[in-house]
Amino acid sequence: MSKKVQPKIEETEKPVSSVKMLFSMGTIGLLAGMLIVFTFTYTLPYIKANEAAFLEKSIFDVVPGAFTKTVVTVDENNKIIPVEKPEETAFKLYPCYDEADSLVGIAIEAREQGFQDVIKIIYGYSPKNEAIVGMKVLQSTETPGLGDKIETDKDFIENFVKLDARLNEDRTKLIEPIKMVKAGEKTKPSEISAITGATISSKAIAKMMARSADLNVPLIYKNLKILKKQ
């Protein structure tokens, strides 16, 4: 009869002390934090420069015929005044001029909550045509393939080539409020036809456009003489 051999029990490693674990985790966390801060600090000037360059290009994209521009804001009396430090001014308008220094339009920034995050746009208003004449998305994190169509869908972009923004007789509000309608149901030049499958993103654009135009178009008309002399 064979004799059973008891398996040899290997000696286990000593448990790591909680102090060492905390020290290691703290060190890793500190290094990761320092790396994040360094990366952010290093790249911030480049990010700001890229954003400024994109904004500059977009201003001229949304105001056809623009050759030069200035930057203005509005004081407490709703009067247009020049901006000396754009980076320190929250609300800005960008009057644009042709090669003969005639006012051809004003670029206006607007923002609204979209499906994923805040959507930021810039659009152009033409006092001569009393219409929105261009729109471009400056910032968006909408769903790829759906919400991001607000930047690429040609039919949607076409809404803003000549979107009605006429004022009433006393120049205090729009004759026809800008609003969104379902795709294919647009009957008025003041309506924005939505993108099928991206209703929330379309609605955000229409909402910010309506609110901004309702506020800023009367303001622009009130200061039109000043804007023409900028």
Protein backbone atom coordinates (compact mmCIF):
# COMPACT_ATOMS: atom_id res chain seq x y z
CA MET A 1 0.00 0.00 0.00
CA SER A 2 1.43 3.31 -1.10
CA LYS A 3 1.84 6.14 1.35
CA LYS A 4 0.19 9.47 0.57
CA VAL A 5 2.54 12.41 0.27
CA GLN A 6 1.26 15.64 1.68
CA PRO A 7 1.69 18.56 -0.83
CA LYS A 8 4.15 21.13 0.26
CA ILE A 9 2.50 24.35 1.20
CA GLU A 10 4.35 27.28 -0.34
CA GLU A 11 5.08 30.18 1.84
CA THR A 12 2.81 33.08 0.96
CA GLU A 13 4.12 36.64 0.42
CA LYS A 14 3.77 39.10 3.18
CA PRO A 15 0.79 41.44 2.72
CA VAL A 16 1.61 44.95 1.56
CA SER A 17 1.03 47.45 4.27
CA SER A 18 -1.82 49.90 3.83
CA VAL A 19 0.60 52.78 4.40
CA LYS A 20 2.69 51.76 1.38
CA MET A 21 -0.43 51.35 -0.76
CA LEU A 22 -1.70 54.79 0.21
CA PHE A 23 1.73 56.29 -0.45
CA SER A 24 1.93 54.66 -3.90
CA MET A 25 -1.58 55.70 -4.86
CA GLY A 26 -0.96 59.23 -3.62
CA THR A 27 2.27 59.48 -5.61
CA ILE A 28 0.60 58.22 -8.80
CA GLY A 29 -2.31 60.61 -8.29
CA LEU A 30 0.04 63.53 -7.71
CA LEU A 31 2.06 62.76 -10.85
CA ALA A 32 -1.10 62.35 -12.91
CA GLY A 33 -2.44 65.65 -11.62
CA MET A 34 0.82 67.44 -12.38
CA LEU A 35 0.82 65.95 -15.89
CA ILE A 36 -2.75 67.14 -16.50
CA VAL A 37 -1.96 70.66 -15.26
CA PHE A 38 1.21 70.82 -17.33
CA THR A 39 -0.57 69.60 -20.48
CA PHE A 40 -3.42 72.05 -19.99
CA THR A 41 -1.10 74.98 -19.33
CA TYR A 42 1.12 74.12 -22.29
CA THR A 43 -1.69 73.62 -24.81
CA LEU A 44 -4.04 76.43 -23.65
CA PRO A 45 -2.36 79.20 -25.72
CA TYR A 46 -2.54 77.01 -28.85
CA ILE A 47 -6.19 76.17 -28.18
CA LYS A 48 -7.01 79.87 -27.71
CA ALA A 49 -5.11 80.80 -30.87
CA ASN A 50 -6.95 78.14 -32.91
CA GLU A 51 -10.31 79.25 -31.52
CA ALA A 52 -9.54 82.88 -32.38
CA ALA A 53 -8.47 81.97 -35.92
CA PHE A 54 -11.60 79.86 -36.45
CA LEU A 55 -13.82 82.66 -35.11
CA GLU A 56 -12.12 85.19 -37.40
CA LYS A 57 -12.70 82.99 -40.46
CA SER A 58 -16.28 82.22 -39.43
CA ILE A 59 -17.17 85.91 -39.11
CA PHE A 60 -16.29 86.47 -42.77
CA ASP A 61 -18.01 83.22 -43.78
CA VAL A 62 -21.40 84.24 -42.35
CA VAL A 63 -21.36 87.79 -43.75
CA PRO A 64 -21.02 87.56 -47.55
CA GLY A 65 -19.01 90.39 -49.07
CA ALA A 66 -17.22 91.24 -45.83
CA PHE A 67 -13.68 92.53 -46.26
CA THR A 68 -12.93 94.08 -42.85
CA LYS A 69 -14.56 94.01 -39.43
CA THR A 70 -14.57 95.75 -36.08
CA VAL A 71 -15.64 94.61 -32.62
CA VAL A 72 -18.30 96.44 -30.60
CA THR A 73 -20.47 95.87 -27.56
CA VAL A 74 -23.52 97.48 -25.99
CA ASP A 75 -23.51 99.76 -22.94
CA GLU A 76 -26.19 100.10 -20.26
CA ASN A 77 -28.12 102.52 -22.50
CA ASN A 78 -28.25 100.01 -25.39
CA LYS A 79 -25.78 102.11 -27.32
CA ILE A 80 -23.12 100.49 -29.50
CA ILE A 81 -19.58 101.25 -28.32
CA PRO A 82 -16.17 100.01 -29.55
CA VAL A 83 -14.47 97.15 -27.71
CA GLU A 84 -10.88 97.76 -26.64
CA LYS A 85 -10.25 94.36 -25.05
CA PRO A 86 -12.33 91.68 -26.79
CA GLU A 87 -10.98 88.92 -24.56
CA GLU A 88 -12.43 90.71 -21.52
CA THR A 89 -15.81 91.50 -23.08
CA ALA A 90 -18.60 88.95 -22.75
CA PHE A 91 -21.05 90.23 -25.36
CA LYS A 92 -19.66 91.26 -28.73
CA LEU A 93 -20.98 92.16 -32.16
CA TYR A 94 -18.84 92.15 -35.29
CA PRO A 95 -19.84 94.82 -37.84
CA CYS A 96 -18.44 93.87 -41.24
CA TYR A 97 -17.58 96.17 -44.17
CA ASP A 98 -16.87 95.72 -47.84
CA GLU A 99 -13.83 97.08 -49.71
CA ALA A 100 -15.54 100.49 -49.94
CA ASP A 101 -16.02 100.55 -46.13
CA SER A 102 -19.77 100.17 -46.42
CA LEU A 103 -21.57 98.13 -43.79
CA VAL A 104 -22.62 94.77 -45.30
CA GLY A 105 -23.66 92.92 -42.17
CA ILE A 106 -23.15 92.14 -38.52
CA ALA A 107 -21.91 88.81 -37.16
CA ILE A 108 -23.50 87.75 -33.88
CA GLU A 109 -22.62 84.93 -31.50
CA ALA A 110 -25.31 82.83 -29.79
CA ARG A 111 -25.42 79.67 -27.68
CA GLU A 112 -27.98 77.15 -26.43
CA GLN A 113 -28.08 73.76 -24.72
CA GLY A 114 -28.13 70.95 -27.28
CA PHE A 115 -28.55 67.18 -26.88
CA GLN A 116 -25.04 66.57 -25.50
CA ASP A 117 -23.77 69.97 -24.42
CA VAL A 118 -23.94 73.67 -25.20
CA ILE A 119 -23.95 74.51 -28.92
CA LYS A 120 -22.29 77.78 -29.89
CA ILE A 121 -22.89 79.42 -33.25
CA ILE A 122 -22.24 82.63 -35.11
CA TYR A 123 -24.64 84.06 -37.66
CA GLY A 124 -24.71 87.02 -39.99
CA TYR A 125 -27.47 89.63 -40.22
CA SER A 126 -27.87 91.91 -43.23
CA PRO A 127 -29.63 95.24 -42.48
CA LYS A 128 -30.06 95.82 -46.22
CA ASN A 129 -31.85 92.51 -46.79
CA GLU A 130 -33.39 92.40 -43.29
CA ALA A 131 -32.44 88.75 -43.12
CA ILE A 132 -30.10 86.24 -41.56
CA VAL A 133 -27.58 85.55 -44.32
CA GLY A 134 -25.30 82.87 -42.88
CA MET A 135 -24.77 80.55 -39.92
CA LYS A 136 -21.83 78.50 -38.74
CA VAL A 137 -21.36 76.23 -35.72
CA LEU A 138 -18.43 77.33 -33.55
CA GLN A 139 -18.70 74.66 -30.87
CA SER A 140 -20.66 71.42 -30.70
CA THR A 141 -20.36 67.93 -29.22
CA GLU A 142 -23.60 66.61 -30.69
CA THR A 143 -23.97 62.93 -31.56
CA PRO A 144 -21.84 61.96 -34.60
CA GLY A 145 -24.01 61.04 -37.56
CA LEU A 146 -27.11 62.71 -36.11
CA GLY A 147 -26.77 65.93 -34.14
CA ASP A 148 -23.59 66.96 -35.91
CA LYS A 149 -25.63 67.31 -39.11
CA ILE A 150 -26.32 70.90 -37.99
CA GLU A 151 -22.79 71.53 -39.31
CA THR A 152 -22.94 69.46 -42.50
CA ASP A 153 -26.52 69.01 -43.73
CA LYS A 154 -26.81 71.22 -46.85
CA ASP A 155 -30.60 71.52 -46.63
CA PHE A 156 -30.36 72.64 -43.02
CA ILE A 157 -27.59 75.16 -43.76
CA GLU A 158 -29.73 76.47 -46.63
CA ASN A 159 -32.24 77.70 -44.02
CA PHE A 160 -29.84 80.48 -43.12
CA VAL A 161 -28.97 81.83 -46.54
CA LYS A 162 -31.90 84.25 -46.41
CA LEU A 163 -33.88 83.74 -43.22
CA ASP A 164 -36.51 86.45 -42.82
CA ALA A 165 -35.77 88.88 -39.95
CA ARG A 166 -37.80 91.93 -40.92
CA LEU A 167 -38.85 94.36 -38.21
CA ASN A 168 -42.28 95.84 -37.59
CA GLU A 169 -43.05 99.50 -38.32
CA ASP A 170 -41.72 100.88 -35.03
CA ARG A 171 -38.62 98.66 -35.36
CA THR A 172 -39.05 97.00 -31.97
CA LYS A 173 -39.61 93.33 -32.85
CA LEU A 174 -39.61 90.86 -35.72
CA ILE A 175 -42.72 90.75 -37.90
CA GLU A 176 -42.54 86.98 -38.13
CA PRO A 177 -40.87 85.21 -35.17
CA ILE A 178 -38.19 82.76 -36.26
CA LYS A 179 -39.26 79.20 -35.45
CA MET A 180 -38.52 75.59 -36.33
CA VAL A 181 -40.89 73.35 -38.29
CA LYS A 182 -40.67 69.67 -39.19
CA ALA A 183 -38.57 68.69 -42.17
CA GLY A 184 -40.45 69.34 -45.42
CA GLU A 185 -43.10 71.55 -43.80
CA LYS A 186 -41.44 74.95 -44.26
CA THR A 187 -43.86 77.45 -45.82
CA LYS A 188 -42.50 80.81 -44.61
CA PRO A 189 -39.07 82.45 -45.06
CA SER A 190 -38.89 82.91 -41.26
CA GLU A 191 -39.11 79.16 -40.59
CA ILE A 192 -36.22 76.74 -40.06
CA SER A 193 -36.77 73.23 -41.42
CA ALA A 194 -35.52 70.65 -38.90
CA ILE A 195 -33.19 67.75 -39.62
CA THR A 196 -34.90 64.36 -39.51
CA GLY A 197 -33.40 62.35 -36.66
CA ALA A 198 -31.71 65.37 -35.10
CA THR A 199 -34.70 67.30 -33.83
CA ILE A 200 -33.16 68.33 -30.51
CA SER A 201 -30.04 69.78 -32.16
CA SER A 202 -32.13 71.53 -34.83
CA LYS A 203 -34.43 72.90 -32.15
CA ALA A 204 -31.47 74.27 -30.20
CA ILE A 205 -30.25 76.17 -33.26
CA ALA A 206 -33.73 77.54 -33.99
CA LYS A 207 -34.28 78.52 -30.36
CA MET A 208 -31.01 80.43 -29.99
CA MET A 209 -31.45 82.06 -33.39
CA ALA A 210 -34.98 83.21 -32.56
CA ARG A 211 -34.05 84.59 -29.16
CA SER A 212 -30.86 86.28 -30.35
CA ALA A 213 -32.43 87.83 -33.46
CA ASP A 214 -35.43 89.05 -31.50
CA LEU A 215 -33.08 90.82 -29.10
CA ASN A 216 -30.29 91.99 -31.38
CA VAL A 217 -31.96 92.96 -34.67
CA PRO A 218 -33.94 95.86 -33.10
CA LEU A 219 -30.73 96.85 -31.27
CA ILE A 220 -28.78 96.86 -34.53
CA TYR A 221 -31.40 98.97 -36.28
CA LYS A 222 -31.40 101.45 -33.38
CA ASN A 223 -27.62 101.83 -33.71
CA LEU A 224 -27.41 101.54 -37.47
CA LYS A 225 -25.93 105.01 -38.01
CA ILE A 226 -23.22 104.29 -35.48
CA LEU A 227 -22.48 100.89 -37.02
CA LYS A 228 -22.14 102.41 -40.49
CA LYS A 229 -19.47 104.77 -39.18
CA GLN A 230 -17.43 102.13 -37.34
